[in-house]
Amino acid sequence: MLLLLLVLAGATLVLRGLPDAPLLPAGWAPWRPLDVSAAPGPATRWQLERAQADAGRCQAALATSALRRRPAIDREEPGGCGYHGAVQVGGLARDVGVGTPFVLSCPAALDLAMWMRHDLRGAALAELGSPLTAIQHAGSYACRNIYGRADARRSRHATADALDVRGFVLADGRRIGLARDWGREDARGRFLRQVRNGACRWFDVVLGPDYNAAHHDHLHLEHGRGRLCR
């Protein structure tokens, strides 16, 4: 991937010197900032990680998304809990709600925006034939350890880097839930598999019912700390 990005960058320098040189699509241009609305390409993952590593770039990238958000007040708690530069999410788009607003770090919110734009909408229409109108969640920020155990390390929820999603609501009134519909051999089951796999494209850690019993009723979506898709 790095070699491909270098080749694309070199080709661009050449093309820029030519009259009427064609421009590469945003997802193929590693020098461009991340545009959430643009079709993903070979450079998108690099653009995403670069944006997540810089607070200013991260906020600028969020501004290209449909995510309904506002700045969250910084919070500090003992034991490494809290967040800075986070956003309060009030909707995934103008027409896609979240119920109770929740707080996410900017990098995690950017993962969420990419998932919404490039996976959730399409999966709902392709598998269920109805637009997505809301997600059902179990919260994001919580100052606690993994599984709430005293001897475990801090959860990514403790820094607002994780969100638990329980289900989805469609325009035709159907509700698709992890607890009820995961593993079904029908459109509901296919939809959930598709959105889980789509989440793995953007979030660093995605844990669901296939991981363990503690995740039987939700998808744990996390930014940071390795890569795992279960």
C-alpha atoms as a PDB file:
ATOM      1  CA  MET A   1       0.000   0.000   0.000  1.00  0.00           C
ATOM      2  CA  LEU A   2       2.809   2.429   0.861  1.00  0.00           C
ATOM      3  CA  LEU A   3       4.475   1.724  -2.486  1.00  0.00           C
ATOM      4  CA  LEU A   4       1.207   2.385  -4.300  1.00  0.00           C
ATOM      5  CA  LEU A   5       0.764   5.701  -2.493  1.00  0.00           C
ATOM      6  CA  LEU A   6       4.303   6.739  -3.417  1.00  0.00           C
ATOM      7  CA  VAL A   7       3.672   5.850  -7.053  1.00  0.00           C
ATOM      8  CA  LEU A   8       0.435   7.854  -7.055  1.00  0.00           C
ATOM      9  CA  ALA A   9       2.162  10.828  -5.469  1.00  0.00           C
ATOM     10  CA  GLY A  10       4.958  10.713  -8.035  1.00  0.00           C
ATOM     11  CA  ALA A  11       2.513  10.410 -10.899  1.00  0.00           C
ATOM     12  CA  THR A  12       0.658  13.437  -9.621  1.00  0.00           C
ATOM     13  CA  LEU A  13       3.769  15.589  -9.607  1.00  0.00           C
ATOM     14  CA  VAL A  14       4.258  14.694 -13.244  1.00  0.00           C
ATOM     15  CA  LEU A  15       0.623  15.253 -14.157  1.00  0.00           C
ATOM     16  CA  ARG A  16       0.535  18.635 -12.464  1.00  0.00           C
ATOM     17  CA  GLY A  17       3.149  19.825 -14.900  1.00  0.00           C
ATOM     18  CA  LEU A  18       1.020  18.904 -17.901  1.00  0.00           C
ATOM     19  CA  PRO A  19      -1.668  21.150 -19.385  1.00  0.00           C
ATOM     20  CA  ASP A  20      -5.200  19.890 -18.805  1.00  0.00           C
ATOM     21  CA  ALA A  21      -3.820  17.013 -16.706  1.00  0.00           C
ATOM     22  CA  PRO A  22      -6.602  14.786 -15.323  1.00  0.00           C
ATOM     23  CA  LEU A  23      -7.124  14.904 -11.572  1.00  0.00           C
ATOM     24  CA  LEU A  24      -7.154  11.700  -9.579  1.00  0.00           C
ATOM     25  CA  PRO A  25     -10.311  10.946  -7.579  1.00  0.00           C
ATOM     26  CA  ALA A  26     -10.090  12.044  -3.948  1.00  0.00           C
ATOM     27  CA  GLY A  27      -9.683   8.494  -2.642  1.00  0.00           C
ATOM     28  CA  TRP A  28      -6.691   7.952  -4.928  1.00  0.00           C
ATOM     29  CA  ALA A  29      -4.858  11.167  -4.046  1.00  0.00           C
ATOM     30  CA  PRO A  30      -2.737  10.736  -0.900  1.00  0.00           C
ATOM     31  CA  TRP A  31      -1.882  14.456  -0.668  1.00  0.00           C
ATOM     32  CA  ARG A  32      -5.532  15.444  -0.310  1.00  0.00           C
ATOM     33  CA  PRO A  33      -7.287  15.765   3.058  1.00  0.00           C
ATOM     34  CA  LEU A  34      -9.910  13.173   3.845  1.00  0.00           C
ATOM     35  CA  ASP A  35     -13.316  13.851   2.331  1.00  0.00           C
ATOM     36  CA  VAL A  36     -15.857  11.590   4.042  1.00  0.00           C
ATOM     37  CA  SER A  37     -18.313  12.031   1.180  1.00  0.00           C
ATOM     38  CA  ALA A  38     -15.847  10.884  -1.498  1.00  0.00           C
ATOM     39  CA  ALA A  39     -15.763   7.323  -2.796  1.00  0.00           C
ATOM     40  CA  PRO A  40     -13.048   5.296  -0.978  1.00  0.00           C
ATOM     41  CA  GLY A  41      -9.870   4.458  -2.857  1.00  0.00           C
ATOM     42  CA  PRO A  42      -6.356   3.173  -2.197  1.00  0.00           C
ATOM     43  CA  ALA A  43      -5.377   6.378  -0.359  1.00  0.00           C
ATOM     44  CA  THR A  44      -8.459   6.639   1.863  1.00  0.00           C
ATOM     45  CA  ARG A  45      -7.119   4.616   4.789  1.00  0.00           C
ATOM     46  CA  TRP A  46      -3.944   6.720   4.839  1.00  0.00           C
ATOM     47  CA  GLN A  47      -5.976   9.938   4.648  1.00  0.00           C
ATOM     48  CA  LEU A  48      -8.168   8.724   7.509  1.00  0.00           C
ATOM     49  CA  GLU A  49      -5.260   7.844   9.784  1.00  0.00           C
ATOM     50  CA  ARG A  50      -3.514  11.138   9.033  1.00  0.00           C
ATOM     51  CA  ALA A  51      -6.684  13.052   9.928  1.00  0.00           C
ATOM     52  CA  GLN A  52      -7.130  11.078  13.145  1.00  0.00           C
ATOM     53  CA  ALA A  53      -3.578  11.877  14.235  1.00  0.00           C
ATOM     54  CA  ASP A  54      -4.132  15.645  14.139  1.00  0.00           C
ATOM     55  CA  ALA A  55      -6.932  17.476  15.958  1.00  0.00           C
ATOM     56  CA  GLY A  56      -7.336  20.174  13.329  1.00  0.00           C
ATOM     57  CA  ARG A  57      -7.387  17.746  10.413  1.00  0.00           C
ATOM     58  CA  CYS A  58      -9.821  15.532  12.263  1.00  0.00           C
ATOM     59  CA  GLN A  59     -12.337  18.317  12.793  1.00  0.00           C
ATOM     60  CA  ALA A  60     -11.918  19.456   9.188  1.00  0.00           C
ATOM     61  CA  ALA A  61     -12.621  15.920   7.963  1.00  0.00           C
ATOM     62  CA  LEU A  62     -15.730  15.674  10.169  1.00  0.00           C
ATOM     63  CA  ALA A  63     -16.977  18.854   8.515  1.00  0.00           C
ATOM     64  CA  THR A  64     -17.142  16.946   5.190  1.00  0.00           C
ATOM     65  CA  SER A  65     -19.488  14.362   6.725  1.00  0.00           C
ATOM     66  CA  ALA A  66     -23.228  14.338   7.351  1.00  0.00           C
ATOM     67  CA  LEU A  67     -22.725  13.645  11.057  1.00  0.00           C
ATOM     68  CA  ARG A  68     -24.846  15.943  13.238  1.00  0.00           C
ATOM     69  CA  ARG A  69     -22.562  17.007  16.040  1.00  0.00           C
ATOM     70  CA  ARG A  70     -21.429  19.799  18.319  1.00  0.00           C
ATOM     71  CA  PRO A  71     -18.298  20.249  20.443  1.00  0.00           C
ATOM     72  CA  ALA A  72     -18.364  18.410  23.760  1.00  0.00           C
ATOM     73  CA  ILE A  73     -17.055  20.067  26.898  1.00  0.00           C
ATOM     74  CA  ASP A  74     -13.668  18.570  27.823  1.00  0.00           C
ATOM     75  CA  ARG A  75     -13.834  16.152  30.734  1.00  0.00           C
ATOM     76  CA  GLU A  76     -11.213  14.802  33.112  1.00  0.00           C
ATOM     77  CA  GLU A  77     -11.697  12.067  35.703  1.00  0.00           C
ATOM     78  CA  PRO A  78      -9.251  10.141  37.870  1.00  0.00           C
ATOM     79  CA  GLY A  79      -7.605   6.996  36.576  1.00  0.00           C
ATOM     80  CA  GLY A  80      -7.106   8.024  32.978  1.00  0.00           C
ATOM     81  CA  CYS A  81     -10.769   8.670  32.170  1.00  0.00           C
ATOM     82  CA  GLY A  82     -12.045  11.628  30.184  1.00  0.00           C
ATOM     83  CA  TYR A  83     -11.785  13.220  26.763  1.00  0.00           C
ATOM     84  CA  HIS A  84     -10.556  16.339  24.989  1.00  0.00           C
ATOM     85  CA  GLY A  85     -11.682  17.733  21.665  1.00  0.00           C
ATOM     86  CA  ALA A  86     -14.568  15.268  21.494  1.00  0.00           C
ATOM     87  CA  VAL A  87     -17.954  15.812  19.843  1.00  0.00           C
ATOM     88  CA  GLN A  88     -21.496  15.151  20.966  1.00  0.00           C
ATOM     89  CA  VAL A  89     -23.255  13.205  18.222  1.00  0.00           C
ATOM     90  CA  GLY A  90     -26.945  13.953  17.774  1.00  0.00           C
ATOM     91  CA  GLY A  91     -27.478  12.139  14.492  1.00  0.00           C
ATOM     92  CA  LEU A  92     -25.620  10.187  11.833  1.00  0.00           C
ATOM     93  CA  ALA A  93     -27.176  12.387   9.160  1.00  0.00           C
ATOM     94  CA  ARG A  94     -30.023  14.860   8.793  1.00  0.00           C
ATOM     95  CA  ASP A  95     -32.463  11.963   8.414  1.00  0.00           C
ATOM     96  CA  VAL A  96     -30.763   9.327  10.600  1.00  0.00           C
ATOM     97  CA  GLY A  97     -31.181   9.699  14.350  1.00  0.00           C
ATOM     98  CA  VAL A  98     -29.398   8.187  17.323  1.00  0.00           C
ATOM     99  CA  GLY A  99     -31.928   8.602  20.129  1.00  0.00           C
ATOM    100  CA  THR A 100     -29.989   9.910  23.115  1.00  0.00           C
ATOM    101  CA  PRO A 101     -26.936  11.928  21.963  1.00  0.00           C
ATOM    102  CA  PHE A 102     -23.563  10.467  22.861  1.00  0.00           C
ATOM    103  CA  VAL A 103     -19.966  11.703  23.089  1.00  0.00           C
ATOM    104  CA  LEU A 104     -17.139  10.344  20.936  1.00  0.00           C
ATOM    105  CA  SER A 105     -13.542  11.382  20.466  1.00  0.00           C
ATOM    106  CA  CYS A 106     -12.979  13.030  17.107  1.00  0.00           C
ATOM    107  CA  PRO A 107     -11.098  10.003  15.684  1.00  0.00           C
ATOM    108  CA  ALA A 108     -13.889   7.617  16.719  1.00  0.00           C
ATOM    109  CA  ALA A 109     -16.531   9.992  15.347  1.00  0.00           C
ATOM    110  CA  LEU A 110     -14.657  10.031  12.054  1.00  0.00           C
ATOM    111  CA  ASP A 111     -14.756   6.215  11.920  1.00  0.00           C
ATOM    112  CA  LEU A 112     -18.489   6.404  12.601  1.00  0.00           C
ATOM    113  CA  ALA A 113     -19.008   8.950   9.835  1.00  0.00           C
ATOM    114  CA  MET A 114     -17.163   6.758   7.322  1.00  0.00           C
ATOM    115  CA  TRP A 115     -19.201   3.704   8.344  1.00  0.00           C
ATOM    116  CA  MET A 116     -22.443   5.628   7.959  1.00  0.00           C
ATOM    117  CA  ARG A 117     -21.556   7.115   4.582  1.00  0.00           C
ATOM    118  CA  HIS A 118     -20.044   4.072   2.934  1.00  0.00           C
ATOM    119  CA  ASP A 119     -21.742   1.073   4.551  1.00  0.00           C
ATOM    120  CA  LEU A 120     -24.881   1.588   6.637  1.00  0.00           C
ATOM    121  CA  ARG A 121     -27.049   3.403   4.107  1.00  0.00           C
ATOM    122  CA  GLY A 122     -26.198   1.055   1.273  1.00  0.00           C
ATOM    123  CA  ALA A 123     -26.626  -2.098   3.329  1.00  0.00           C
ATOM    124  CA  ALA A 124     -30.111  -1.114   4.502  1.00  0.00           C
ATOM    125  CA  LEU A 125     -31.298  -0.465   0.966  1.00  0.00           C
ATOM    126  CA  ALA A 126     -29.552  -3.469  -0.580  1.00  0.00           C
ATOM    127  CA  GLU A 127     -30.588  -6.092   1.966  1.00  0.00           C
ATOM    128  CA  LEU A 128     -33.811  -4.713   3.442  1.00  0.00           C
ATOM    129  CA  GLY A 129     -35.149  -2.398   0.751  1.00  0.00           C
ATOM    130  CA  SER A 130     -35.832   0.482   3.127  1.00  0.00           C
ATOM    131  CA  PRO A 131     -33.802   3.536   4.157  1.00  0.00           C
ATOM    132  CA  LEU A 132     -32.113   3.627   7.546  1.00  0.00           C
ATOM    133  CA  THR A 133     -33.685   6.183   9.899  1.00  0.00           C
ATOM    134  CA  ALA A 134     -31.928   5.551  13.240  1.00  0.00           C
ATOM    135  CA  ILE A 135     -29.477   3.454  15.192  1.00  0.00           C
ATOM    136  CA  GLN A 136     -30.112   2.142  18.695  1.00  0.00           C
ATOM    137  CA  HIS A 137     -27.090   2.365  20.964  1.00  0.00           C
ATOM    138  CA  ALA A 138     -26.049   1.506  24.514  1.00  0.00           C
ATOM    139  CA  GLY A 139     -23.788   4.489  25.039  1.00  0.00           C
ATOM    140  CA  SER A 140     -20.226   5.541  24.444  1.00  0.00           C
ATOM    141  CA  TYR A 141     -18.353   7.240  27.300  1.00  0.00           C
ATOM    142  CA  ALA A 142     -18.107   5.363  30.604  1.00  0.00           C
ATOM    143  CA  CYS A 143     -15.257   5.612  33.107  1.00  0.00           C
ATOM    144  CA  ARG A 144     -14.721   1.891  33.644  1.00  0.00           C
ATOM    145  CA  ASN A 145     -12.446  -1.059  32.984  1.00  0.00           C
ATOM    146  CA  ILE A 146     -13.106  -3.758  30.395  1.00  0.00           C
ATOM    147  CA  TYR A 147     -16.164  -5.804  31.455  1.00  0.00           C
ATOM    148  CA  GLY A 148     -16.219  -3.674  34.612  1.00  0.00           C
ATOM    149  CA  ARG A 149     -13.558  -5.856  36.260  1.00  0.00           C
ATOM    150  CA  ALA A 150     -11.262  -4.269  38.821  1.00  0.00           C
ATOM    151  CA  ASP A 151      -8.244  -6.245  37.539  1.00  0.00           C
ATOM    152  CA  ALA A 152      -8.758  -5.360  33.843  1.00  0.00           C
ATOM    153  CA  ARG A 153      -7.296  -2.482  31.858  1.00  0.00           C
ATOM    154  CA  ARG A 154      -9.278   0.639  31.092  1.00  0.00           C
ATOM    155  CA  SER A 155     -11.934   0.234  28.427  1.00  0.00           C
ATOM    156  CA  ARG A 156     -11.791   2.461  25.360  1.00  0.00           C
ATOM    157  CA  HIS A 157     -15.192   3.659  26.543  1.00  0.00           C
ATOM    158  CA  ALA A 158     -13.265   5.472  29.297  1.00  0.00           C
ATOM    159  CA  THR A 159     -11.805   7.864  26.720  1.00  0.00           C
ATOM    160  CA  ALA A 160     -14.906   8.137  24.506  1.00  0.00           C
ATOM    161  CA  ASP A 161     -13.195   6.038  21.845  1.00  0.00           C
ATOM    162  CA  ALA A 162     -15.914   3.368  21.681  1.00  0.00           C
ATOM    163  CA  LEU A 163     -19.621   3.049  20.945  1.00  0.00           C
ATOM    164  CA  ASP A 164     -21.973   0.095  21.491  1.00  0.00           C
ATOM    165  CA  VAL A 165     -24.685  -0.317  18.844  1.00  0.00           C
ATOM    166  CA  ARG A 166     -27.653  -2.575  19.603  1.00  0.00           C
ATOM    167  CA  GLY A 167     -29.807  -2.209  16.513  1.00  0.00           C
ATOM    168  CA  PHE A 168     -31.179  -0.252  13.592  1.00  0.00           C
ATOM    169  CA  VAL A 169     -34.520   1.328  12.675  1.00  0.00           C
ATOM    170  CA  LEU A 170     -35.808   1.500   9.102  1.00  0.00           C
ATOM    171  CA  ALA A 171     -38.179   3.914   7.402  1.00  0.00           C
ATOM    172  CA  ASP A 172     -40.817   1.181   7.042  1.00  0.00           C
ATOM    173  CA  GLY A 173     -40.885   0.715  10.813  1.00  0.00           C
ATOM    174  CA  ARG A 174     -38.821  -2.456  11.083  1.00  0.00           C
ATOM    175  CA  ARG A 175     -36.314  -2.730  13.915  1.00  0.00           C
ATOM    176  CA  ILE A 176     -33.277  -4.930  13.398  1.00  0.00           C
ATOM    177  CA  GLY A 177     -31.578  -5.965  16.641  1.00  0.00           C
ATOM    178  CA  LEU A 178     -28.348  -7.823  17.342  1.00  0.00           C
ATOM    179  CA  ALA A 179     -29.871  -9.874  20.152  1.00  0.00           C
ATOM    180  CA  ARG A 180     -32.810 -11.046  18.049  1.00  0.00           C
ATOM    181  CA  ASP A 181     -31.554 -11.104  14.469  1.00  0.00           C
ATOM    182  CA  TRP A 182     -27.863 -11.997  14.511  1.00  0.00           C
ATOM    183  CA  GLY A 183     -27.234 -15.367  12.853  1.00  0.00           C
ATOM    184  CA  ARG A 184     -30.518 -15.505  10.946  1.00  0.00           C
ATOM    185  CA  GLU A 185     -30.335 -16.895   7.421  1.00  0.00           C
ATOM    186  CA  ASP A 186     -32.436 -14.132   5.907  1.00  0.00           C
ATOM    187  CA  ALA A 187     -32.237 -10.476   4.913  1.00  0.00           C
ATOM    188  CA  ARG A 188     -32.044  -9.345   8.537  1.00  0.00           C
ATOM    189  CA  GLY A 189     -29.098 -11.603   9.250  1.00  0.00           C
ATOM    190  CA  ARG A 190     -27.336 -10.658   6.024  1.00  0.00           C
ATOM    191  CA  PHE A 191     -27.802  -6.970   6.803  1.00  0.00           C
ATOM    192  CA  LEU A 192     -26.211  -7.328  10.231  1.00  0.00           C
ATOM    193  CA  ARG A 193     -23.275  -9.281   8.813  1.00  0.00           C
ATOM    194  CA  GLN A 194     -22.780  -6.663   6.148  1.00  0.00           C
ATOM    195  CA  VAL A 195     -22.794  -3.734   8.554  1.00  0.00           C
ATOM    196  CA  ARG A 196     -20.440  -5.599  10.933  1.00  0.00           C
ATOM    197  CA  ASN A 197     -18.019  -6.261   8.082  1.00  0.00           C
ATOM    198  CA  GLY A 198     -18.358  -2.656   6.946  1.00  0.00           C
ATOM    199  CA  ALA A 199     -17.538  -1.403  10.434  1.00  0.00           C
ATOM    200  CA  CYS A 200     -14.330  -3.419  10.306  1.00  0.00           C
ATOM    201  CA  ARG A 201     -13.191  -1.308   7.357  1.00  0.00           C
ATOM    202  CA  TRP A 202     -13.103   1.819   9.508  1.00  0.00           C
ATOM    203  CA  PHE A 203     -12.991   1.010  13.223  1.00  0.00           C
ATOM    204  CA  ASP A 204      -9.855  -0.592  14.651  1.00  0.00           C
ATOM    205  CA  VAL A 205     -11.759  -3.053  16.843  1.00  0.00           C
ATOM    206  CA  VAL A 206     -15.232  -4.439  16.157  1.00  0.00           C
ATOM    207  CA  LEU A 207     -16.650  -7.043  18.550  1.00  0.00           C
ATOM    208  CA  GLY A 208     -20.054  -8.679  18.174  1.00  0.00           C
ATOM    209  CA  PRO A 209     -21.970 -11.853  18.982  1.00  0.00           C
ATOM    210  CA  ASP A 210     -19.306 -14.032  17.356  1.00  0.00           C
ATOM    211  CA  TYR A 211     -16.726 -12.766  19.844  1.00  0.00           C
ATOM    212  CA  ASN A 212     -18.203 -13.791  23.203  1.00  0.00           C
ATOM    213  CA  ALA A 213     -21.407 -13.900  25.230  1.00  0.00           C
ATOM    214  CA  ALA A 214     -20.824 -10.414  26.630  1.00  0.00           C
ATOM    215  CA  HIS A 215     -21.353  -9.017  23.111  1.00  0.00           C
ATOM    216  CA  HIS A 216     -24.382 -11.128  22.189  1.00  0.00           C
ATOM    217  CA  ASP A 217     -26.642  -8.098  21.876  1.00  0.00           C
ATOM    218  CA  HIS A 218     -24.439  -5.361  20.425  1.00  0.00           C
ATOM    219  CA  LEU A 219     -21.545  -4.342  18.231  1.00  0.00           C
ATOM    220  CA  HIS A 220     -18.659  -2.786  20.146  1.00  0.00           C
ATOM    221  CA  LEU A 221     -17.043  -0.238  17.801  1.00  0.00           C
ATOM    222  CA  GLU A 222     -13.661   1.072  18.914  1.00  0.00           C
ATOM    223  CA  HIS A 223     -10.938   3.404  17.735  1.00  0.00           C
ATOM    224  CA  GLY A 224      -7.353   2.545  18.686  1.00  0.00           C
ATOM    225  CA  ARG A 225      -5.437  -0.304  20.341  1.00  0.00           C
ATOM    226  CA  GLY A 226      -4.709  -2.839  17.592  1.00  0.00           C
ATOM    227  CA  ARG A 227      -6.921  -4.397  14.941  1.00  0.00           C
ATOM    228  CA  LEU A 228      -9.598  -7.025  15.575  1.00  0.00           C
ATOM    229  CA  CYS A 229     -12.794  -7.905  13.717  1.00  0.00           C
ATOM    230  CA  ARG A 230     -15.003 -10.516  15.375  1.00  0.00           C
END
